[in-house]
Amino acid sequence: MQYALLIYSNETVLGPDDGSTALGELLARHVAFARELGPTRVGGAGLKPTVSATTVRTKGSAKTVHDGPFAETKEQLGGLYLIDVPDLDAAIALARDVARPGDGAIEIRPLLQVTH
């Protein structure tokens, strides 16, 4: 079964996206984790900070473009892993080991299985 491991954390904990030591250490932990996953990992990526985001919002037939994710929360989506494991218990076990700065959460979401 395929799952998305969605990584939420307070992005201000790392400071600016300037290659700081904290960011470099976190990225190194993710590289190591991705290697450990091996073929279980079918995709994923880190995301740039929310200041670089753009949102297209639809209301009725109107579509508007906004800077940022337009979310009023301290925790932001910082990245994700796509994994293929036997069941939810296996996904939970992997989610416990996902690196994140400070406090935060890993949301485990099953992927829709769409046939072509």
PDB file of N, CA and C in Angstrom:
ATOM      1  N   MET A   1       0.850  -1.169   0.000  1.00  0.00           N
ATOM      2  CA  MET A   1       0.000   0.000   0.000  1.00  0.00           C
ATOM      3  C   MET A   1       0.902   1.241   0.000  1.00  0.00           C
ATOM      4  N   GLN A   2       0.505   2.242  -0.735  1.00  0.00           N
ATOM      5  CA  GLN A   2       1.310   3.453  -0.807  1.00  0.00           C
ATOM      6  C   GLN A   2       0.751   4.521   0.129  1.00  0.00           C
ATOM      7  N   TYR A   3       1.677   5.227   0.786  1.00  0.00           N
ATOM      8  CA  TYR A   3       1.338   6.291   1.729  1.00  0.00           C
ATOM      9  C   TYR A   3       2.211   7.507   1.459  1.00  0.00           C
ATOM     10  N   ALA A   4       1.672   8.674   1.793  1.00  0.00           N
ATOM     11  CA  ALA A   4       2.461   9.897   1.834  1.00  0.00           C
ATOM     12  C   ALA A   4       2.755  10.186   3.296  1.00  0.00           C
ATOM     13  N   LEU A   5       4.008  10.431   3.606  1.00  0.00           N
ATOM     14  CA  LEU A   5       4.405  10.900   4.930  1.00  0.00           C
ATOM     15  C   LEU A   5       4.610  12.400   4.793  1.00  0.00           C
ATOM     16  N   LEU A   6       3.673  13.193   5.297  1.00  0.00           N
ATOM     17  CA  LEU A   6       3.699  14.647   5.154  1.00  0.00           C
ATOM     18  C   LEU A   6       4.343  15.253   6.387  1.00  0.00           C
ATOM     19  N   ILE A   7       5.395  16.020   6.191  1.00  0.00           N
ATOM     20  CA  ILE A   7       6.207  16.547   7.284  1.00  0.00           C
ATOM     21  C   ILE A   7       5.787  17.972   7.600  1.00  0.00           C
ATOM     22  N   TYR A   8       5.250  18.179   8.797  1.00  0.00           N
ATOM     23  CA  TYR A   8       4.831  19.503   9.249  1.00  0.00           C
ATOM     24  C   TYR A   8       5.718  19.963  10.399  1.00  0.00           C
ATOM     25  N   SER A   9       6.186  21.194  10.313  1.00  0.00           N
ATOM     26  CA  SER A   9       6.988  21.760  11.394  1.00  0.00           C
ATOM     27  C   SER A   9       6.954  23.280  11.302  1.00  0.00           C
ATOM     28  N   ASN A  10       7.453  23.916  12.326  1.00  0.00           N
ATOM     29  CA  ASN A  10       7.557  25.372  12.345  1.00  0.00           C
ATOM     30  C   ASN A  10       8.828  25.735  11.595  1.00  0.00           C
ATOM     31  N   GLU A  11       8.668  26.311  10.401  1.00  0.00           N
ATOM     32  CA  GLU A  11       9.837  26.569   9.560  1.00  0.00           C
ATOM     33  C   GLU A  11      10.750  27.656  10.109  1.00  0.00           C
ATOM     34  N   THR A  12      10.284  28.458  11.066  1.00  0.00           N
ATOM     35  CA  THR A  12      11.138  29.499  11.634  1.00  0.00           C
ATOM     36  C   THR A  12      12.208  28.919  12.553  1.00  0.00           C
ATOM     37  N   VAL A  13      12.066  27.661  12.961  1.00  0.00           N
ATOM     38  CA  VAL A  13      13.059  27.018  13.823  1.00  0.00           C
ATOM     39  C   VAL A  13      14.410  26.934  13.118  1.00  0.00           C
ATOM     40  N   LEU A  14      14.382  26.747  11.804  1.00  0.00           N
ATOM     41  CA  LEU A  14      15.629  26.608  11.054  1.00  0.00           C
ATOM     42  C   LEU A  14      16.244  27.935  10.661  1.00  0.00           C
ATOM     43  N   GLY A  15      15.482  28.998  10.703  1.00  0.00           N
ATOM     44  CA  GLY A  15      15.997  30.283  10.266  1.00  0.00           C
ATOM     45  C   GLY A  15      15.889  30.405   8.763  1.00  0.00           C
ATOM     46  N   PRO A  16      16.585  31.372   8.169  1.00  0.00           N
ATOM     47  CA  PRO A  16      16.478  31.610   6.726  1.00  0.00           C
ATOM     48  C   PRO A  16      17.031  30.450   5.906  1.00  0.00           C
ATOM     49  N   ASP A  17      16.548  30.349   4.673  1.00  0.00           N
ATOM     50  CA  ASP A  17      16.996  29.318   3.730  1.00  0.00           C
ATOM     51  C   ASP A  17      18.328  29.752   3.128  1.00  0.00           C
ATOM     52  N   ASP A  18      19.370  29.750   3.955  1.00  0.00           N
ATOM     53  CA  ASP A  18      20.658  30.287   3.527  1.00  0.00           C
ATOM     54  C   ASP A  18      21.791  29.272   3.649  1.00  0.00           C
ATOM     55  N   GLY A  19      21.429  27.990   3.767  1.00  0.00           N
ATOM     56  CA  GLY A  19      22.468  26.979   3.913  1.00  0.00           C
ATOM     57  C   GLY A  19      23.046  26.949   5.314  1.00  0.00           C
ATOM     58  N   SER A  20      22.271  27.396   6.294  1.00  0.00           N
ATOM     59  CA  SER A  20      22.747  27.431   7.672  1.00  0.00           C
ATOM     60  C   SER A  20      23.108  26.032   8.161  1.00  0.00           C
ATOM     61  N   THR A  21      23.831  25.977   9.249  1.00  0.00           N
ATOM     62  CA  THR A  21      24.259  24.702   9.816  1.00  0.00           C
ATOM     63  C   THR A  21      23.066  23.842  10.194  1.00  0.00           C
ATOM     64  N   ALA A  22      22.038  24.432  10.819  1.00  0.00           N
ATOM     65  CA  ALA A  22      20.863  23.663  11.235  1.00  0.00           C
ATOM     66  C   ALA A  22      20.174  23.033  10.026  1.00  0.00           C
ATOM     67  N   LEU A  23      20.025  23.806   8.959  1.00  0.00           N
ATOM     68  CA  LEU A  23      19.390  23.291   7.752  1.00  0.00           C
ATOM     69  C   LEU A  23      20.252  22.197   7.126  1.00  0.00           C
ATOM     70  N   GLY A  24      21.542  22.403   7.061  1.00  0.00           N
ATOM     71  CA  GLY A  24      22.449  21.402   6.502  1.00  0.00           C
ATOM     72  C   GLY A  24      22.403  20.090   7.269  1.00  0.00           C
ATOM     73  N   GLU A  25      22.357  20.185   8.597  1.00  0.00           N
ATOM     74  CA  GLU A  25      22.278  18.980   9.428  1.00  0.00           C
ATOM     75  C   GLU A  25      20.964  18.247   9.205  1.00  0.00           C
ATOM     76  N   LEU A  26      19.864  18.988   9.105  1.00  0.00           N
ATOM     77  CA  LEU A  26      18.567  18.367   8.870  1.00  0.00           C
ATOM     78  C   LEU A  26      18.536  17.675   7.509  1.00  0.00           C
ATOM     79  N   LEU A  27      19.060  18.346   6.493  1.00  0.00           N
ATOM     80  CA  LEU A  27      19.082  17.744   5.157  1.00  0.00           C
ATOM     81  C   LEU A  27      19.943  16.478   5.133  1.00  0.00           C
ATOM     82  N   ALA A  28      21.038  16.479   5.851  1.00  0.00           N
ATOM     83  CA  ALA A  28      21.891  15.284   5.923  1.00  0.00           C
ATOM     84  C   ALA A  28      21.130  14.120   6.562  1.00  0.00           C
ATOM     85  N   ARG A  29      20.333  14.414   7.579  1.00  0.00           N
ATOM     86  CA  ARG A  29      19.525  13.365   8.223  1.00  0.00           C
ATOM     87  C   ARG A  29      18.490  12.815   7.239  1.00  0.00           C
ATOM     88  N   HIS A  30      17.916  13.683   6.403  1.00  0.00           N
ATOM     89  CA  HIS A  30      16.935  13.214   5.424  1.00  0.00           C
ATOM     90  C   HIS A  30      17.592  12.366   4.334  1.00  0.00           C
ATOM     91  N   VAL A  31      18.769  12.749   3.899  1.00  0.00           N
ATOM     92  CA  VAL A  31      19.484  11.953   2.900  1.00  0.00           C
ATOM     93  C   VAL A  31      19.759  10.563   3.450  1.00  0.00           C
ATOM     94  N   ALA A  32      20.207  10.477   4.700  1.00  0.00           N
ATOM     95  CA  ALA A  32      20.483   9.183   5.325  1.00  0.00           C
ATOM     96  C   ALA A  32      19.197   8.356   5.453  1.00  0.00           C
ATOM     97  N   PHE A  33      18.100   9.002   5.859  1.00  0.00           N
ATOM     98  CA  PHE A  33      16.822   8.308   6.007  1.00  0.00           C
ATOM     99  C   PHE A  33      16.338   7.780   4.653  1.00  0.00           C
ATOM    100  N   ALA A  34      16.459   8.581   3.609  1.00  0.00           N
ATOM    101  CA  ALA A  34      16.031   8.153   2.271  1.00  0.00           C
ATOM    102  C   ALA A  34      16.843   6.939   1.818  1.00  0.00           C
ATOM    103  N   ARG A  35      18.132   6.936   2.122  1.00  0.00           N
ATOM    104  CA  ARG A  35      18.967   5.777   1.776  1.00  0.00           C
ATOM    105  C   ARG A  35      18.507   4.532   2.522  1.00  0.00           C
ATOM    106  N   GLU A  36      18.174   4.696   3.814  1.00  0.00           N
ATOM    107  CA  GLU A  36      17.699   3.561   4.616  1.00  0.00           C
ATOM    108  C   GLU A  36      16.391   3.000   4.068  1.00  0.00           C
ATOM    109  N   LEU A  37      15.533   3.857   3.540  1.00  0.00           N
ATOM    110  CA  LEU A  37      14.256   3.400   2.993  1.00  0.00           C
ATOM    111  C   LEU A  37      14.451   2.514   1.773  1.00  0.00           C
ATOM    112  N   GLY A  38      15.508   2.777   1.007  1.00  0.00           N
ATOM    113  CA  GLY A  38      15.768   1.979  -0.192  1.00  0.00           C
ATOM    114  C   GLY A  38      14.570   1.959  -1.119  1.00  0.00           C
ATOM    115  N   PRO A  39      14.184   0.785  -1.633  1.00  0.00           N
ATOM    116  CA  PRO A  39      13.088   0.706  -2.600  1.00  0.00           C
ATOM    117  C   PRO A  39      11.701   0.965  -1.990  1.00  0.00           C
ATOM    118  N   THR A  40      11.629   1.037  -0.665  1.00  0.00           N
ATOM    119  CA  THR A  40      10.359   1.396  -0.020  1.00  0.00           C
ATOM    120  C   THR A  40       9.963   2.815  -0.407  1.00  0.00           C
ATOM    121  N   ARG A  41      10.962   3.673  -0.629  1.00  0.00           N
ATOM    122  CA  ARG A  41      10.699   5.068  -1.013  1.00  0.00           C
ATOM    123  C   ARG A  41      10.446   5.126  -2.510  1.00  0.00           C
ATOM    124  N   VAL A  42       9.251   5.591  -2.872  1.00  0.00           N
ATOM    125  CA  VAL A  42       8.927   5.705  -4.289  1.00  0.00           C
ATOM    126  C   VAL A  42       8.959   7.151  -4.765  1.00  0.00           C
ATOM    127  N   GLY A  43       9.158   8.091  -3.854  1.00  0.00           N
ATOM    128  CA  GLY A  43       9.249   9.497  -4.235  1.00  0.00           C
ATOM    129  C   GLY A  43       9.287  10.383  -3.014  1.00  0.00           C
ATOM    130  N   GLY A  44       9.307  11.678  -3.274  1.00  0.00           N
ATOM    131  CA  GLY A  44       9.287  12.639  -2.188  1.00  0.00           C
ATOM    132  C   GLY A  44      10.281  13.752  -2.426  1.00  0.00           C
ATOM    133  N   ALA A  45      10.126  14.801  -1.619  1.00  0.00           N
ATOM    134  CA  ALA A  45      11.023  15.948  -1.733  1.00  0.00           C
ATOM    135  C   ALA A  45      10.780  16.887  -0.575  1.00  0.00           C
ATOM    136  N   GLY A  46      11.780  17.702  -0.294  1.00  0.00           N
ATOM    137  CA  GLY A  46      11.599  18.795   0.641  1.00  0.00           C
ATOM    138  C   GLY A  46      10.991  19.972  -0.110  1.00  0.00           C
ATOM    139  N   LEU A  47      10.398  20.879   0.623  1.00  0.00           N
ATOM    140  CA  LEU A  47       9.790  22.054   0.011  1.00  0.00           C
ATOM    141  C   LEU A  47      10.520  23.309   0.457  1.00  0.00           C
ATOM    142  N   LYS A  48      10.616  24.276  -0.421  1.00  0.00           N
ATOM    143  CA  LYS A  48      11.192  25.579  -0.064  1.00  0.00           C
ATOM    144  C   LYS A  48      10.259  26.252   0.939  1.00  0.00           C
ATOM    145  N   PRO A  49      10.732  27.272   1.667  1.00  0.00           N
ATOM    146  CA  PRO A  49       9.897  27.949   2.670  1.00  0.00           C
ATOM    147  C   PRO A  49       8.621  28.538   2.080  1.00  0.00           C
ATOM    148  N   THR A  50       7.642  28.767   2.935  1.00  0.00           N
ATOM    149  CA  THR A  50       6.333  29.245   2.494  1.00  0.00           C
ATOM    150  C   THR A  50       6.385  30.601   1.808  1.00  0.00           C
ATOM    151  N   VAL A  51       7.412  31.409   2.074  1.00  0.00           N
ATOM    152  CA  VAL A  51       7.507  32.709   1.389  1.00  0.00           C
ATOM    153  C   VAL A  51       7.663  32.540  -0.117  1.00  0.00           C
ATOM    154  N   SER A  52       8.074  31.356  -0.572  1.00  0.00           N
ATOM    155  CA  SER A  52       8.239  31.107  -2.002  1.00  0.00           C
ATOM    156  C   SER A  52       6.994  30.496  -2.642  1.00  0.00           C
ATOM    157  N   ALA A  53       5.951  30.242  -1.840  1.00  0.00           N
ATOM    158  CA  ALA A  53       4.745  29.573  -2.342  1.00  0.00           C
ATOM    159  C   ALA A  53       3.804  30.537  -3.058  1.00  0.00           C
ATOM    160  N   THR A  54       3.039  29.995  -3.987  1.00  0.00           N
ATOM    161  CA  THR A  54       1.971  30.703  -4.682  1.00  0.00           C
ATOM    162  C   THR A  54       0.752  29.802  -4.656  1.00  0.00           C
ATOM    163  N   THR A  55      -0.420  30.386  -4.398  1.00  0.00           N
ATOM    164  CA  THR A  55      -1.654  29.617  -4.320  1.00  0.00           C
ATOM    165  C   THR A  55      -2.649  30.126  -5.354  1.00  0.00           C
ATOM    166  N   VAL A  56      -3.263  29.215  -6.095  1.00  0.00           N
ATOM    167  CA  VAL A  56      -4.368  29.553  -6.980  1.00  0.00           C
ATOM    168  C   VAL A  56      -5.637  29.088  -6.269  1.00  0.00           C
ATOM    169  N   ARG A  57      -6.489  30.042  -5.924  1.00  0.00           N
ATOM    170  CA  ARG A  57      -7.709  29.756  -5.167  1.00  0.00           C
ATOM    171  C   ARG A  57      -8.918  29.886  -6.097  1.00  0.00           C
ATOM    172  N   THR A  58      -9.843  28.913  -5.991  1.00  0.00           N
ATOM    173  CA  THR A  58     -11.063  28.929  -6.794  1.00  0.00           C
ATOM    174  C   THR A  58     -12.254  29.168  -5.884  1.00  0.00           C
ATOM    175  N   LYS A  59     -13.077  30.120  -6.275  1.00  0.00           N
ATOM    176  CA  LYS A  59     -14.332  30.389  -5.579  1.00  0.00           C
ATOM    177  C   LYS A  59     -15.383  30.606  -6.660  1.00  0.00           C
ATOM    178  N   GLY A  60     -16.279  29.620  -6.792  1.00  0.00           N
ATOM    179  CA  GLY A  60     -17.222  29.666  -7.902  1.00  0.00           C
ATOM    180  C   GLY A  60     -16.461  29.517  -9.206  1.00  0.00           C
ATOM    181  N   SER A  61     -16.644  30.461 -10.112  1.00  0.00           N
ATOM    182  CA  SER A  61     -15.916  30.405 -11.383  1.00  0.00           C
ATOM    183  C   SER A  61     -14.683  31.307 -11.384  1.00  0.00           C
ATOM    184  N   ALA A  62     -14.470  32.042 -10.286  1.00  0.00           N
ATOM    185  CA  ALA A  62     -13.324  32.954 -10.201  1.00  0.00           C
ATOM    186  C   ALA A  62     -12.089  32.223  -9.688  1.00  0.00           C
ATOM    187  N   LYS A  63     -10.971  32.524 -10.305  1.00  0.00           N
ATOM    188  CA  LYS A  63      -9.684  31.975  -9.870  1.00  0.00           C
ATOM    189  C   LYS A  63      -8.763  33.149  -9.578  1.00  0.00           C
ATOM    190  N   THR A  64      -8.193  33.153  -8.368  1.00  0.00           N
ATOM    191  CA  THR A  64      -7.294  34.239  -7.984  1.00  0.00           C
ATOM    192  C   THR A  64      -5.953  33.657  -7.575  1.00  0.00           C
ATOM    193  N   VAL A  65      -4.912  34.443  -7.759  1.00  0.00           N
ATOM    194  CA  VAL A  65      -3.553  34.018  -7.437  1.00  0.00           C
ATOM    195  C   VAL A  65      -3.082  34.811  -6.216  1.00  0.00           C
ATOM    196  N   HIS A  66      -2.508  34.104  -5.234  1.00  0.00           N
ATOM    197  CA  HIS A  66      -2.050  34.711  -3.987  1.00  0.00           C
ATOM    198  C   HIS A  66      -0.624  34.280  -3.678  1.00  0.00           C
ATOM    199  N   ASP A  67       0.123  35.152  -3.028  1.00  0.00           N
ATOM    200  CA  ASP A  67       1.444  34.779  -2.526  1.00  0.00           C
ATOM    201  C   ASP A  67       1.256  33.924  -1.286  1.00  0.00           C
ATOM    202  N   GLY A  68       2.104  32.924  -1.126  1.00  0.00           N
ATOM    203  CA  GLY A  68       2.091  32.102   0.074  1.00  0.00           C
ATOM    204  C   GLY A  68       1.032  31.024   0.071  1.00  0.00           C
ATOM    205  N   PRO A  69       1.072  30.178   1.104  1.00  0.00           N
ATOM    206  CA  PRO A  69       0.134  29.063   1.199  1.00  0.00           C
ATOM    207  C   PRO A  69      -1.222  29.482   1.775  1.00  0.00           C
ATOM    208  N   PHE A  70      -1.324  30.693   2.306  1.00  0.00           N
ATOM    209  CA  PHE A  70      -2.548  31.199   2.918  1.00  0.00           C
ATOM    210  C   PHE A  70      -3.042  30.259   4.007  1.00  0.00           C
ATOM    211  N   ALA A  71      -2.160  29.910   4.896  1.00  0.00           N
ATOM    212  CA  ALA A  71      -2.522  29.062   6.028  1.00  0.00           C
ATOM    213  C   ALA A  71      -2.188  29.804   7.310  1.00  0.00           C
ATOM    214  N   GLU A  72      -3.137  29.855   8.213  1.00  0.00           N
ATOM    215  CA  GLU A  72      -2.912  30.520   9.496  1.00  0.00           C
ATOM    216  C   GLU A  72      -2.559  29.482  10.542  1.00  0.00           C
ATOM    217  N   THR A  73      -1.342  29.015  10.488  1.00  0.00           N
ATOM    218  CA  THR A  73      -0.860  28.004  11.411  1.00  0.00           C
ATOM    219  C   THR A  73       0.645  28.175  11.574  1.00  0.00           C
ATOM    220  N   LYS A  74       1.174  27.742  12.699  1.00  0.00           N
ATOM    221  CA  LYS A  74       2.625  27.827  12.907  1.00  0.00           C
ATOM    222  C   LYS A  74       3.351  26.685  12.206  1.00  0.00           C
ATOM    223  N   GLU A  75       2.662  25.560  12.036  1.00  0.00           N
ATOM    224  CA  GLU A  75       3.283  24.425  11.359  1.00  0.00           C
ATOM    225  C   GLU A  75       2.945  24.471   9.879  1.00  0.00           C
ATOM    226  N   GLN A  76       3.962  24.324   9.052  1.00  0.00           N
ATOM    227  CA  GLN A  76       3.800  24.344   7.600  1.00  0.00           C
ATOM    228  C   GLN A  76       4.272  23.018   7.024  1.00  0.00           C
ATOM    229  N   LEU A  77       3.733  22.660   5.866  1.00  0.00           N
ATOM    230  CA  LEU A  77       4.186  21.471   5.153  1.00  0.00           C
ATOM    231  C   LEU A  77       5.583  21.738   4.628  1.00  0.00           C
ATOM    232  N   GLY A  78       6.550  20.956   5.100  1.00  0.00           N
ATOM    233  CA  GLY A  78       7.938  21.191   4.734  1.00  0.00           C
ATOM    234  C   GLY A  78       8.493  20.200   3.730  1.00  0.00           C
ATOM    235  N   GLY A  79       7.784  19.094   3.537  1.00  0.00           N
ATOM    236  CA  GLY A  79       8.254  18.085   2.596  1.00  0.00           C
ATOM    237  C   GLY A  79       7.441  16.824   2.750  1.00  0.00           C
ATOM    238  N   LEU A  80       7.786  15.823   1.960  1.00  0.00           N
ATOM    239  CA  LEU A  80       7.040  14.576   2.008  1.00  0.00           C
ATOM    240  C   LEU A  80       7.865  13.428   1.486  1.00  0.00           C
ATOM    241  N   TYR A  81       7.488  12.248   1.914  1.00  0.00           N
ATOM    242  CA  TYR A  81       8.012  10.999   1.370  1.00  0.00           C
ATOM    243  C   TYR A  81       6.821  10.222   0.837  1.00  0.00           C
ATOM    244  N   LEU A  82       6.990   9.572  -0.299  1.00  0.00           N
ATOM    245  CA  LEU A  82       6.012   8.619  -0.803  1.00  0.00           C
ATOM    246  C   LEU A  82       6.625   7.250  -0.598  1.00  0.00           C
ATOM    247  N   ILE A  83       5.895   6.399   0.119  1.00  0.00           N
ATOM    248  CA  ILE A  83       6.438   5.078   0.457  1.00  0.00           C
ATOM    249  C   ILE A  83       5.462   3.988   0.033  1.00  0.00           C
ATOM    250  N   ASP A  84       5.980   2.799  -0.148  1.00  0.00           N
ATOM    251  CA  ASP A  84       5.176   1.623  -0.475  1.00  0.00           C
ATOM    252  C   ASP A  84       5.516   0.555   0.551  1.00  0.00           C
ATOM    253  N   VAL A  85       4.572   0.304   1.463  1.00  0.00           N
ATOM    254  CA  VAL A  85       4.775  -0.633   2.562  1.00  0.00           C
ATOM    255  C   VAL A  85       3.554  -1.542   2.681  1.00  0.00           C
ATOM    256  N   PRO A  86       3.666  -2.637   3.432  1.00  0.00           N
ATOM    257  CA  PRO A  86       2.552  -3.580   3.515  1.00  0.00           C
ATOM    258  C   PRO A  86       1.278  -3.027   4.160  1.00  0.00           C
ATOM    259  N   ASP A  87       1.431  -2.148   5.170  1.00  0.00           N
ATOM    260  CA  ASP A  87       0.234  -1.709   5.891  1.00  0.00           C
ATOM    261  C   ASP A  87       0.512  -0.439   6.695  1.00  0.00           C
ATOM    262  N   LEU A  88      -0.528   0.067   7.360  1.00  0.00           N
ATOM    263  CA  LEU A  88      -0.413   1.295   8.144  1.00  0.00           C
ATOM    264  C   LEU A  88       0.602   1.159   9.274  1.00  0.00           C
ATOM    265  N   ASP A  89       0.663   0.003   9.906  1.00  0.00           N
ATOM    266  CA  ASP A  89       1.630  -0.186  10.994  1.00  0.00           C
ATOM    267  C   ASP A  89       3.064   0.031  10.504  1.00  0.00           C
ATOM    268  N   ALA A  90       3.369  -0.457   9.315  1.00  0.00           N
ATOM    269  CA  ALA A  90       4.710  -0.263   8.747  1.00  0.00           C
ATOM    270  C   ALA A  90       4.952   1.211   8.445  1.00  0.00           C
ATOM    271  N   ALA A  91       3.920   1.907   7.951  1.00  0.00           N
ATOM    272  CA  ALA A  91       4.052   3.339   7.671  1.00  0.00           C
ATOM    273  C   ALA A  91       4.286   4.121   8.957  1.00  0.00           C
ATOM    274  N   ILE A  92       3.578   3.767  10.018  1.00  0.00           N
ATOM    275  CA  ILE A  92       3.755   4.427  11.322  1.00  0.00           C
ATOM    276  C   ILE A  92       5.175   4.226  11.830  1.00  0.00           C
ATOM    277  N   ALA A  93       5.680   3.014  11.704  1.00  0.00           N
ATOM    278  CA  ALA A  93       7.039   2.727  12.170  1.00  0.00           C
ATOM    279  C   ALA A  93       8.054   3.611  11.450  1.00  0.00           C
ATOM    280  N   LEU A  94       7.886   3.812  10.146  1.00  0.00           N
ATOM    281  CA  LEU A  94       8.806   4.674   9.401  1.00  0.00           C
ATOM    282  C   LEU A  94       8.608   6.144   9.765  1.00  0.00           C
ATOM    283  N   ALA A  95       7.367   6.563   9.942  1.00  0.00           N
ATOM    284  CA  ALA A  95       7.076   7.961  10.264  1.00  0.00           C
ATOM    285  C   ALA A  95       7.735   8.388  11.571  1.00  0.00           C
ATOM    286  N   ARG A  96       7.869   7.480  12.493  1.00  0.00           N
ATOM    287  CA  ARG A  96       8.513   7.804  13.777  1.00  0.00           C
ATOM    288  C   ARG A  96       9.966   8.233  13.601  1.00  0.00           C
ATOM    289  N   ASP A  97      10.593   7.811  12.501  1.00  0.00           N
ATOM    290  CA  ASP A  97      12.016   8.095  12.289  1.00  0.00           C
ATOM    291  C   ASP A  97      12.288   9.277  11.356  1.00  0.00           C
ATOM    292  N   VAL A  98      11.242   9.933  10.857  1.00  0.00           N
ATOM    293  CA  VAL A  98      11.443  11.056   9.946  1.00  0.00           C
ATOM    294  C   VAL A  98      11.991  12.256  10.719  1.00  0.00           C
ATOM    295  N   ALA A  99      13.087  12.826  10.248  1.00  0.00           N
ATOM    296  CA  ALA A  99      13.715  13.978  10.896  1.00  0.00           C
ATOM    297  C   ALA A  99      12.869  15.228  10.683  1.00  0.00           C
ATOM    298  N   ARG A 100      12.795  16.056  11.708  1.00  0.00           N
ATOM    299  CA  ARG A 100      12.131  17.355  11.596  1.00  0.00           C
ATOM    300  C   ARG A 100      12.762  18.291  12.607  1.00  0.00           C
ATOM    301  N   PRO A 101      12.748  19.577  12.305  1.00  0.00           N
ATOM    302  CA  PRO A 101      13.336  20.532  13.253  1.00  0.00           C
ATOM    303  C   PRO A 101      12.377  20.783  14.408  1.00  0.00           C
ATOM    304  N   GLY A 102      12.837  20.608  15.611  1.00  0.00           N
ATOM    305  CA  GLY A 102      11.991  20.888  16.771  1.00  0.00           C
ATOM    306  C   GLY A 102      10.732  20.054  16.784  1.00  0.00           C
ATOM    307  N   ASP A 103       9.662  20.634  17.316  1.00  0.00           N
ATOM    308  CA  ASP A 103       8.378  19.952  17.385  1.00  0.00           C
ATOM    309  C   ASP A 103       7.729  19.923  16.012  1.00  0.00           C
ATOM    310  N   GLY A 104       6.751  19.080  15.852  1.00  0.00           N
ATOM    311  CA  GLY A 104       6.044  19.002  14.584  1.00  0.00           C
ATOM    312  C   GLY A 104       5.279  17.707  14.496  1.00  0.00           C
ATOM    313  N   ALA A 105       4.849  17.380  13.299  1.00  0.00           N
ATOM    314  CA  ALA A 105       4.030  16.189  13.097  1.00  0.00           C
ATOM    315  C   ALA A 105       4.331  15.570  11.740  1.00  0.00           C
ATOM    316  N   ILE A 106       4.119  14.274  11.671  1.00  0.00           N
ATOM    317  CA  ILE A 106       4.177  13.555  10.409  1.00  0.00           C
ATOM    318  C   ILE A 106       2.773  13.010  10.178  1.00  0.00           C
ATOM    319  N   GLU A 107       2.118  13.517   9.145  1.00  0.00           N
ATOM    320  CA  GLU A 107       0.788  13.013   8.788  1.00  0.00           C
ATOM    321  C   GLU A 107       0.969  11.857   7.818  1.00  0.00           C
ATOM    322  N   ILE A 108       0.300  10.754   8.086  1.00  0.00           N
ATOM    323  CA  ILE A 108       0.379   9.577   7.224  1.00  0.00           C
ATOM    324  C   ILE A 108      -0.931   9.507   6.452  1.00  0.00           C
ATOM    325  N   ARG A 109      -0.836   9.604   5.141  1.00  0.00           N
ATOM    326  CA  ARG A 109      -2.052   9.636   4.322  1.00  0.00           C
ATOM    327  C   ARG A 109      -1.958   8.579   3.234  1.00  0.00           C
ATOM    328  N   PRO A 110      -2.907   7.629   3.190  1.00  0.00           N
ATOM    329  CA  PRO A 110      -2.899   6.634   2.104  1.00  0.00           C
ATOM    330  C   PRO A 110      -3.153   7.316   0.762  1.00  0.00           C
ATOM    331  N   LEU A 111      -2.501   6.818  -0.277  1.00  0.00           N
ATOM    332  CA  LEU A 111      -2.712   7.345  -1.612  1.00  0.00           C
ATOM    333  C   LEU A 111      -3.892   6.629  -2.262  1.00  0.00           C
ATOM    334  N   LEU A 112      -4.641   7.362  -3.073  1.00  0.00           N
ATOM    335  CA  LEU A 112      -5.704   6.741  -3.848  1.00  0.00           C
ATOM    336  C   LEU A 112      -5.078   5.820  -4.887  1.00  0.00           C
ATOM    337  N   GLN A 113      -5.605   4.659  -5.027  1.00  0.00           N
ATOM    338  CA  GLN A 113      -5.126   3.718  -6.038  1.00  0.00           C
ATOM    339  C   GLN A 113      -6.011   3.875  -7.266  1.00  0.00           C
ATOM    340  N   VAL A 114      -5.484   4.545  -8.270  1.00  0.00           N
ATOM    341  CA  VAL A 114      -6.238   4.802  -9.498  1.00  0.00           C
ATOM    342  C   VAL A 114      -5.728   3.883 -10.589  1.00  0.00           C
ATOM    343  N   THR A 115      -6.632   3.169 -11.244  1.00  0.00           N
ATOM    344  CA  THR A 115      -6.215   2.301 -12.347  1.00  0.00           C
ATOM    345  C   THR A 115      -6.312   3.086 -13.650  1.00  0.00           C
ATOM    346  N   HIS A 116      -5.448   2.750 -14.559  1.00  0.00           N
ATOM    347  CA  HIS A 116      -5.391   3.473 -15.851  1.00  0.00           C
ATOM    348  C   HIS A 116      -6.208   2.770 -16.884  1.00  0.00           C
TER     349      HIS A 116
END
